[in-house]
Amino acid sequence: MTRNEFIKLMAVGAASFLDLGHGASANQVRGAKVQWGRLKFLCANNNDLNWNVHPNGDLNLIDQLNEKSSVNLAKEWNVAEITNMEKMTEFPFLFMHAEAPPQLDDLVRKNMREYLLRGGFLYAEDCVIGSGTQGNKKTNDKFFLKMADELPQILPEAKFERLPIDHPLFEALFNMKAWPHMQGTPHGPWGLTLNGRLLALLSPSDLHCGWTNGARWFGAAKAEAALKMGTNIYIHAMTQNA
């Protein structure tokens, strides 16, 4: 299902897509199942394992989205190869996550560009210390810095900038007063925007670790904030104007 198809489905009927933070009713009308996808890609030195850390974090966010909204996300951990354009386009939202800097070639850049221009959304996030190979949690931002260099080259016609607190992303479902930060270098969230649509979001803050085991690692308040921000990211990405 494409993002545009998703928007059209959510616009049909009287049922509201969002629950405005009160929790979705068990009897609430939901749309067709939407698939979650994790992007598979090579990292520096042909590392083909760094992209897939803590899949349960993705599943925990899916639970949150299904509970707090009328989203109908399948609780499955699907993989989209970055070298397979047709596989990528099966997923309207792709999560890209690693500790090491990605290793991108011309084919991969072309695929990423085409995916975004077709209406897909990319959420790319620095894993910080997922495999423990790229430094400590205070200094590791190698994935973030590499992607911050790549995204403006992939879509030079788009605007790449740090997102302000009044960006609609912060109020997509939950009213967030600040960007949650779990660990790593606090660069803040950066967005790639074209013709008013946010195509990609880049974060160094390791929200995913908050989804994974946040209460134990960072405390209950941070874990809750990470899940709320993850929910906002998905809702905004999937409902913003095409």
C-alpha atoms as a PDB file:
ATOM      1  CA  MET A   1       0.000   0.000   0.000  1.00  0.00           C
ATOM      2  CA  THR A   2       1.352   3.424  -0.937  1.00  0.00           C
ATOM      3  CA  ARG A   3       1.169   6.425   1.382  1.00  0.00           C
ATOM      4  CA  ASN A   4      -1.344   8.091  -0.966  1.00  0.00           C
ATOM      5  CA  GLU A   5      -3.593   5.006  -0.832  1.00  0.00           C
ATOM      6  CA  PHE A   6      -3.290   5.045   2.943  1.00  0.00           C
ATOM      7  CA  ILE A   7      -4.414   8.694   3.106  1.00  0.00           C
ATOM      8  CA  LYS A   8      -7.399   7.971   0.841  1.00  0.00           C
ATOM      9  CA  LEU A   9      -8.463   5.033   3.011  1.00  0.00           C
ATOM     10  CA  MET A  10      -8.269   7.152   6.138  1.00  0.00           C
ATOM     11  CA  ALA A  11     -10.431   9.826   4.519  1.00  0.00           C
ATOM     12  CA  VAL A  12     -13.315   7.414   3.811  1.00  0.00           C
ATOM     13  CA  GLY A  13     -16.169   7.095   6.301  1.00  0.00           C
ATOM     14  CA  ALA A  14     -16.977   8.798   9.565  1.00  0.00           C
ATOM     15  CA  ALA A  15     -14.359   7.125  11.736  1.00  0.00           C
ATOM     16  CA  SER A  16     -11.542   9.428  12.784  1.00  0.00           C
ATOM     17  CA  PHE A  17      -8.016   8.225  12.015  1.00  0.00           C
ATOM     18  CA  LEU A  18      -6.543   9.774  15.154  1.00  0.00           C
ATOM     19  CA  ASP A  19      -7.721   9.244  18.698  1.00  0.00           C
ATOM     20  CA  LEU A  20      -6.091  12.465  19.942  1.00  0.00           C
ATOM     21  CA  GLY A  21      -4.154  10.598  22.597  1.00  0.00           C
ATOM     22  CA  HIS A  22      -7.068   8.894  24.398  1.00  0.00           C
ATOM     23  CA  GLY A  23      -6.509   5.395  23.050  1.00  0.00           C
ATOM     24  CA  ALA A  24      -8.190   3.621  20.160  1.00  0.00           C
ATOM     25  CA  SER A  25     -11.427   1.781  20.884  1.00  0.00           C
ATOM     26  CA  ALA A  26     -11.521  -1.972  20.390  1.00  0.00           C
ATOM     27  CA  ASN A  27     -14.485  -1.426  18.071  1.00  0.00           C
ATOM     28  CA  GLN A  28     -12.892   1.422  16.123  1.00  0.00           C
ATOM     29  CA  VAL A  29     -12.985   1.085  12.358  1.00  0.00           C
ATOM     30  CA  ARG A  30      -9.518   0.529  10.952  1.00  0.00           C
ATOM     31  CA  GLY A  31      -8.203   0.589   7.424  1.00  0.00           C
ATOM     32  CA  ALA A  32      -6.411  -2.166   5.541  1.00  0.00           C
ATOM     33  CA  LYS A  33      -3.249  -3.577   7.063  1.00  0.00           C
ATOM     34  CA  VAL A  34      -0.121  -1.504   6.490  1.00  0.00           C
ATOM     35  CA  GLN A  35       3.333  -3.084   6.604  1.00  0.00           C
ATOM     36  CA  TRP A  36       6.275  -1.763   8.622  1.00  0.00           C
ATOM     37  CA  GLY A  37       9.643  -2.008   6.880  1.00  0.00           C
ATOM     38  CA  ARG A  38      13.247  -1.869   8.111  1.00  0.00           C
ATOM     39  CA  LEU A  39      15.744  -0.849   5.434  1.00  0.00           C
ATOM     40  CA  LYS A  40      18.649  -3.229   4.868  1.00  0.00           C
ATOM     41  CA  PHE A  41      21.893  -1.632   3.690  1.00  0.00           C
ATOM     42  CA  LEU A  42      25.661  -1.937   3.908  1.00  0.00           C
ATOM     43  CA  CYS A  43      27.664   0.044   6.422  1.00  0.00           C
ATOM     44  CA  ALA A  44      31.330   1.008   6.236  1.00  0.00           C
ATOM     45  CA  ASN A  45      33.781  -1.769   5.319  1.00  0.00           C
ATOM     46  CA  ASN A  46      30.960  -3.851   3.775  1.00  0.00           C
ATOM     47  CA  ASN A  47      29.366  -4.457   7.166  1.00  0.00           C
ATOM     48  CA  ASP A  48      26.035  -6.146   6.401  1.00  0.00           C
ATOM     49  CA  LEU A  49      24.893  -6.707  10.009  1.00  0.00           C
ATOM     50  CA  ASN A  50      24.847  -3.257  11.617  1.00  0.00           C
ATOM     51  CA  TRP A  51      21.446  -2.256  10.220  1.00  0.00           C
ATOM     52  CA  ASN A  52      19.288  -4.799  12.097  1.00  0.00           C
ATOM     53  CA  VAL A  53      19.826  -4.230  15.831  1.00  0.00           C
ATOM     54  CA  HIS A  54      16.935  -4.692  18.318  1.00  0.00           C
ATOM     55  CA  PRO A  55      13.978  -5.554  16.039  1.00  0.00           C
ATOM     56  CA  ASN A  56      11.739  -5.728  19.115  1.00  0.00           C
ATOM     57  CA  GLY A  57      11.948  -1.934  19.354  1.00  0.00           C
ATOM     58  CA  ASP A  58      10.126  -1.649  16.026  1.00  0.00           C
ATOM     59  CA  LEU A  59       7.456  -4.073  17.242  1.00  0.00           C
ATOM     60  CA  ASN A  60       6.959  -2.108  20.455  1.00  0.00           C
ATOM     61  CA  LEU A  61       6.334   1.050  18.432  1.00  0.00           C
ATOM     62  CA  ILE A  62       3.855  -0.840  16.243  1.00  0.00           C
ATOM     63  CA  ASP A  63       1.981  -1.822  19.433  1.00  0.00           C
ATOM     64  CA  GLN A  64       1.930   1.820  20.515  1.00  0.00           C
ATOM     65  CA  LEU A  65       0.618   3.005  17.157  1.00  0.00           C
ATOM     66  CA  ASN A  66      -2.135   0.384  17.079  1.00  0.00           C
ATOM     67  CA  GLU A  67      -3.114   1.173  20.671  1.00  0.00           C
ATOM     68  CA  LYS A  68      -3.096   4.962  20.491  1.00  0.00           C
ATOM     69  CA  SER A  69      -4.584   5.451  17.021  1.00  0.00           C
ATOM     70  CA  SER A  70      -6.713   3.661  14.464  1.00  0.00           C
ATOM     71  CA  VAL A  71      -3.631   2.755  12.451  1.00  0.00           C
ATOM     72  CA  ASN A  72      -3.766  -0.880  11.364  1.00  0.00           C
ATOM     73  CA  LEU A  73      -0.104  -1.835  11.307  1.00  0.00           C
ATOM     74  CA  ALA A  74       0.741  -5.498  10.957  1.00  0.00           C
ATOM     75  CA  LYS A  75       2.952  -6.611  13.833  1.00  0.00           C
ATOM     76  CA  GLU A  76       5.660  -7.933  11.546  1.00  0.00           C
ATOM     77  CA  TRP A  77       9.308  -7.038  11.110  1.00  0.00           C
ATOM     78  CA  ASN A  78       9.723  -6.764   7.339  1.00  0.00           C
ATOM     79  CA  VAL A  79      12.974  -6.117   5.505  1.00  0.00           C
ATOM     80  CA  ALA A  80      13.451  -4.003   2.380  1.00  0.00           C
ATOM     81  CA  GLU A  81      16.768  -4.338   0.562  1.00  0.00           C
ATOM     82  CA  ILE A  82      18.089  -0.923  -0.408  1.00  0.00           C
ATOM     83  CA  THR A  83      19.299  -2.383  -3.712  1.00  0.00           C
ATOM     84  CA  ASN A  84      15.768  -3.571  -4.602  1.00  0.00           C
ATOM     85  CA  MET A  85      13.667  -0.595  -5.621  1.00  0.00           C
ATOM     86  CA  GLU A  86      10.472  -2.576  -6.089  1.00  0.00           C
ATOM     87  CA  LYS A  87      10.760  -4.089  -2.620  1.00  0.00           C
ATOM     88  CA  MET A  88      11.326  -0.656  -1.095  1.00  0.00           C
ATOM     89  CA  THR A  89       8.132   0.690  -2.648  1.00  0.00           C
ATOM     90  CA  GLU A  90       6.060  -1.991  -0.904  1.00  0.00           C
ATOM     91  CA  PHE A  91       6.456   0.088   2.255  1.00  0.00           C
ATOM     92  CA  PRO A  92       5.166   3.671   2.501  1.00  0.00           C
ATOM     93  CA  PHE A  93       7.377   4.213   5.588  1.00  0.00           C
ATOM     94  CA  LEU A  94      10.912   2.843   5.949  1.00  0.00           C
ATOM     95  CA  PHE A  95      13.033   2.850   9.096  1.00  0.00           C
ATOM     96  CA  MET A  96      16.805   3.116   8.552  1.00  0.00           C
ATOM     97  CA  HIS A  97      18.871   2.469  11.666  1.00  0.00           C
ATOM     98  CA  ALA A  98      22.552   1.794  12.320  1.00  0.00           C
ATOM     99  CA  GLU A  99      25.524   2.690  14.441  1.00  0.00           C
ATOM    100  CA  ALA A 100      28.104   2.701  11.644  1.00  0.00           C
ATOM    101  CA  PRO A 101      28.090   5.100   8.677  1.00  0.00           C
ATOM    102  CA  PRO A 102      26.149   3.754   5.684  1.00  0.00           C
ATOM    103  CA  GLN A 103      28.044   2.745   2.566  1.00  0.00           C
ATOM    104  CA  LEU A 104      26.056   4.129  -0.353  1.00  0.00           C
ATOM    105  CA  ASP A 105      26.812   3.786  -4.045  1.00  0.00           C
ATOM    106  CA  ASP A 106      25.182   5.383  -7.095  1.00  0.00           C
ATOM    107  CA  LEU A 107      22.526   2.645  -7.433  1.00  0.00           C
ATOM    108  CA  VAL A 108      21.529   2.970  -3.796  1.00  0.00           C
ATOM    109  CA  ARG A 109      21.352   6.763  -4.000  1.00  0.00           C
ATOM    110  CA  LYS A 110      19.208   6.480  -7.124  1.00  0.00           C
ATOM    111  CA  ASN A 111      16.856   4.048  -5.378  1.00  0.00           C
ATOM    112  CA  MET A 112      16.556   6.265  -2.311  1.00  0.00           C
ATOM    113  CA  ARG A 113      15.813   9.296  -4.466  1.00  0.00           C
ATOM    114  CA  GLU A 114      13.179   7.443  -6.489  1.00  0.00           C
ATOM    115  CA  TYR A 115      11.568   6.020  -3.346  1.00  0.00           C
ATOM    116  CA  LEU A 116      11.200   9.474  -1.787  1.00  0.00           C
ATOM    117  CA  LEU A 117       9.912  11.094  -4.968  1.00  0.00           C
ATOM    118  CA  ARG A 118       7.289   8.353  -5.377  1.00  0.00           C
ATOM    119  CA  GLY A 119       5.821   9.337  -2.019  1.00  0.00           C
ATOM    120  CA  GLY A 120       7.728   7.113   0.404  1.00  0.00           C
ATOM    121  CA  PHE A 121       8.989   8.378   3.765  1.00  0.00           C
ATOM    122  CA  LEU A 122      12.375   7.583   5.305  1.00  0.00           C
ATOM    123  CA  TYR A 123      13.081   7.823   9.021  1.00  0.00           C
ATOM    124  CA  ALA A 124      16.843   7.475   9.514  1.00  0.00           C
ATOM    125  CA  GLU A 125      18.233   7.293  13.026  1.00  0.00           C
ATOM    126  CA  ASP A 126      21.633   6.890  14.642  1.00  0.00           C
ATOM    127  CA  CYS A 127      21.759   3.738  16.749  1.00  0.00           C
ATOM    128  CA  VAL A 128      24.633   5.196  18.839  1.00  0.00           C
ATOM    129  CA  ILE A 129      26.021   2.012  20.482  1.00  0.00           C
ATOM    130  CA  GLY A 130      24.007  -0.841  19.033  1.00  0.00           C
ATOM    131  CA  SER A 131      26.967  -3.097  18.290  1.00  0.00           C
ATOM    132  CA  GLY A 132      29.550  -1.275  20.366  1.00  0.00           C
ATOM    133  CA  THR A 133      31.933  -0.880  17.426  1.00  0.00           C
ATOM    134  CA  GLN A 134      31.758   2.847  16.731  1.00  0.00           C
ATOM    135  CA  GLY A 135      32.690   4.502  20.028  1.00  0.00           C
ATOM    136  CA  ASN A 136      30.912   5.471  23.216  1.00  0.00           C
ATOM    137  CA  LYS A 137      27.430   6.862  23.672  1.00  0.00           C
ATOM    138  CA  LYS A 138      28.650  10.447  24.060  1.00  0.00           C
ATOM    139  CA  THR A 139      30.655  10.739  20.864  1.00  0.00           C
ATOM    140  CA  ASN A 140      29.161   8.313  18.374  1.00  0.00           C
ATOM    141  CA  ASP A 141      27.273  10.133  15.633  1.00  0.00           C
ATOM    142  CA  LYS A 142      28.927   8.560  12.601  1.00  0.00           C
ATOM    143  CA  PHE A 143      25.666   7.344  11.037  1.00  0.00           C
ATOM    144  CA  PHE A 144      24.035  10.733  11.554  1.00  0.00           C
ATOM    145  CA  LEU A 145      26.950  12.707  10.090  1.00  0.00           C
ATOM    146  CA  LYS A 146      27.166  10.466   7.014  1.00  0.00           C
ATOM    147  CA  MET A 147      23.430  10.665   6.342  1.00  0.00           C
ATOM    148  CA  ALA A 148      23.465  14.432   6.906  1.00  0.00           C
ATOM    149  CA  ASP A 149      26.005  14.585   4.084  1.00  0.00           C
ATOM    150  CA  GLU A 150      24.170  12.120   1.803  1.00  0.00           C
ATOM    151  CA  LEU A 151      20.549  13.289   1.983  1.00  0.00           C
ATOM    152  CA  PRO A 152      21.135  16.759   0.466  1.00  0.00           C
ATOM    153  CA  GLN A 153      23.071  15.098  -2.365  1.00  0.00           C
ATOM    154  CA  ILE A 154      20.346  12.533  -3.010  1.00  0.00           C
ATOM    155  CA  LEU A 155      17.748  15.296  -3.362  1.00  0.00           C
ATOM    156  CA  PRO A 156      19.583  18.598  -3.945  1.00  0.00           C
ATOM    157  CA  GLU A 157      16.319  20.313  -4.901  1.00  0.00           C
ATOM    158  CA  ALA A 158      14.910  19.662  -1.407  1.00  0.00           C
ATOM    159  CA  LYS A 159      15.561  21.734   1.720  1.00  0.00           C
ATOM    160  CA  PHE A 160      17.572  20.037   4.448  1.00  0.00           C
ATOM    161  CA  GLU A 161      17.375  21.774   7.813  1.00  0.00           C
ATOM    162  CA  ARG A 162      16.976  21.294  11.537  1.00  0.00           C
ATOM    163  CA  LEU A 163      13.278  21.158  12.340  1.00  0.00           C
ATOM    164  CA  PRO A 164      11.927  23.855  14.696  1.00  0.00           C
ATOM    165  CA  ILE A 165       9.730  23.045  17.672  1.00  0.00           C
ATOM    166  CA  ASP A 166       6.700  24.516  15.887  1.00  0.00           C
ATOM    167  CA  HIS A 167       6.946  21.990  13.044  1.00  0.00           C
ATOM    168  CA  PRO A 168       3.656  20.033  12.689  1.00  0.00           C
ATOM    169  CA  LEU A 169       5.577  16.851  13.477  1.00  0.00           C
ATOM    170  CA  PHE A 170       5.629  17.821  17.156  1.00  0.00           C
ATOM    171  CA  GLU A 171       1.807  17.889  17.340  1.00  0.00           C
ATOM    172  CA  ALA A 172       0.864  15.116  14.911  1.00  0.00           C
ATOM    173  CA  LEU A 173      -0.861  13.218  17.729  1.00  0.00           C
ATOM    174  CA  PHE A 174       0.865  14.014  21.009  1.00  0.00           C
ATOM    175  CA  ASN A 175       1.800  17.591  21.903  1.00  0.00           C
ATOM    176  CA  MET A 176       5.567  17.316  22.316  1.00  0.00           C
ATOM    177  CA  LYS A 177       7.326  20.308  23.865  1.00  0.00           C
ATOM    178  CA  ALA A 178      10.823  19.136  22.955  1.00  0.00           C
ATOM    179  CA  TRP A 179      12.622  16.504  20.895  1.00  0.00           C
ATOM    180  CA  PRO A 180      13.299  13.471  23.145  1.00  0.00           C
ATOM    181  CA  HIS A 181      16.970  12.561  23.401  1.00  0.00           C
ATOM    182  CA  MET A 182      18.035   9.149  24.667  1.00  0.00           C
ATOM    183  CA  GLN A 183      21.792   9.208  24.051  1.00  0.00           C
ATOM    184  CA  GLY A 184      24.459  10.361  21.611  1.00  0.00           C
ATOM    185  CA  THR A 185      25.375  13.800  20.317  1.00  0.00           C
ATOM    186  CA  PRO A 186      22.298  16.090  20.495  1.00  0.00           C
ATOM    187  CA  HIS A 187      22.242  17.452  16.944  1.00  0.00           C
ATOM    188  CA  GLY A 188      18.428  17.535  16.992  1.00  0.00           C
ATOM    189  CA  PRO A 189      16.024  16.328  14.287  1.00  0.00           C
ATOM    190  CA  TRP A 190      16.753  17.260  10.669  1.00  0.00           C
ATOM    191  CA  GLY A 191      14.263  17.069   7.852  1.00  0.00           C
ATOM    192  CA  LEU A 192      14.400  16.881   4.064  1.00  0.00           C
ATOM    193  CA  THR A 193      11.443  18.851   2.668  1.00  0.00           C
ATOM    194  CA  LEU A 194      10.271  19.294  -0.924  1.00  0.00           C
ATOM    195  CA  ASN A 195       7.200  21.300  -1.990  1.00  0.00           C
ATOM    196  CA  GLY A 196       5.919  21.373   1.564  1.00  0.00           C
ATOM    197  CA  ARG A 197       6.213  17.615   2.171  1.00  0.00           C
ATOM    198  CA  LEU A 198       8.645  16.132   4.669  1.00  0.00           C
ATOM    199  CA  LEU A 199      10.279  13.306   2.712  1.00  0.00           C
ATOM    200  CA  ALA A 200      12.861  12.159   5.235  1.00  0.00           C
ATOM    201  CA  LEU A 201      13.687  12.671   8.893  1.00  0.00           C
ATOM    202  CA  LEU A 202      17.187  12.222  10.329  1.00  0.00           C
ATOM    203  CA  SER A 203      17.799  11.920  14.074  1.00  0.00           C
ATOM    204  CA  PRO A 204      20.905  11.285  16.210  1.00  0.00           C
ATOM    205  CA  SER A 205      18.917  10.727  19.410  1.00  0.00           C
ATOM    206  CA  ASP A 206      18.414   6.942  19.420  1.00  0.00           C
ATOM    207  CA  LEU A 207      14.667   7.023  20.027  1.00  0.00           C
ATOM    208  CA  HIS A 208      14.700   3.370  18.972  1.00  0.00           C
ATOM    209  CA  CYS A 209      16.522   2.377  22.161  1.00  0.00           C
ATOM    210  CA  GLY A 210      13.722   4.138  24.011  1.00  0.00           C
ATOM    211  CA  TRP A 211      11.234   1.932  22.152  1.00  0.00           C
ATOM    212  CA  THR A 212      13.312  -1.172  22.839  1.00  0.00           C
ATOM    213  CA  ASN A 213      14.001  -1.087  26.584  1.00  0.00           C
ATOM    214  CA  GLY A 214      13.684   2.570  27.439  1.00  0.00           C
ATOM    215  CA  ALA A 215      12.296   2.328  30.965  1.00  0.00           C
ATOM    216  CA  ARG A 216      15.270   0.248  32.096  1.00  0.00           C
ATOM    217  CA  TRP A 217      17.935   2.136  30.180  1.00  0.00           C
ATOM    218  CA  PHE A 218      16.730   5.734  30.440  1.00  0.00           C
ATOM    219  CA  GLY A 219      13.795   5.828  32.861  1.00  0.00           C
ATOM    220  CA  ALA A 220      10.044   5.617  32.368  1.00  0.00           C
ATOM    221  CA  ALA A 221       9.564   9.266  31.381  1.00  0.00           C
ATOM    222  CA  LYS A 222      12.119   9.108  28.567  1.00  0.00           C
ATOM    223  CA  ALA A 223      10.775   5.778  27.358  1.00  0.00           C
ATOM    224  CA  GLU A 224       7.273   7.239  27.140  1.00  0.00           C
ATOM    225  CA  ALA A 225       8.561  10.326  25.307  1.00  0.00           C
ATOM    226  CA  ALA A 226      10.430   8.154  22.791  1.00  0.00           C
ATOM    227  CA  LEU A 227       7.287   6.147  21.989  1.00  0.00           C
ATOM    228  CA  LYS A 228       5.177   9.289  21.714  1.00  0.00           C
ATOM    229  CA  MET A 229       7.653  10.927  19.350  1.00  0.00           C
ATOM    230  CA  GLY A 230       7.889   7.750  17.287  1.00  0.00           C
ATOM    231  CA  THR A 231       4.105   7.752  17.039  1.00  0.00           C
ATOM    232  CA  ASN A 232       4.121  11.396  15.936  1.00  0.00           C
ATOM    233  CA  ILE A 233       6.749  10.681  13.289  1.00  0.00           C
ATOM    234  CA  TYR A 234       4.692   7.876  11.767  1.00  0.00           C
ATOM    235  CA  ILE A 235       1.375   9.740  11.924  1.00  0.00           C
ATOM    236  CA  HIS A 236       2.847  12.890  10.369  1.00  0.00           C
ATOM    237  CA  ALA A 237       4.679  10.970   7.660  1.00  0.00           C
ATOM    238  CA  MET A 238       1.583   9.036   6.663  1.00  0.00           C
ATOM    239  CA  THR A 239      -1.038  11.789   6.829  1.00  0.00           C
ATOM    240  CA  GLN A 240       0.733  14.912   5.564  1.00  0.00           C
ATOM    241  CA  ASN A 241      -0.381  16.235   2.195  1.00  0.00           C
ATOM    242  CA  ALA A 242       0.835  14.222  -0.787  1.00  0.00           C
END
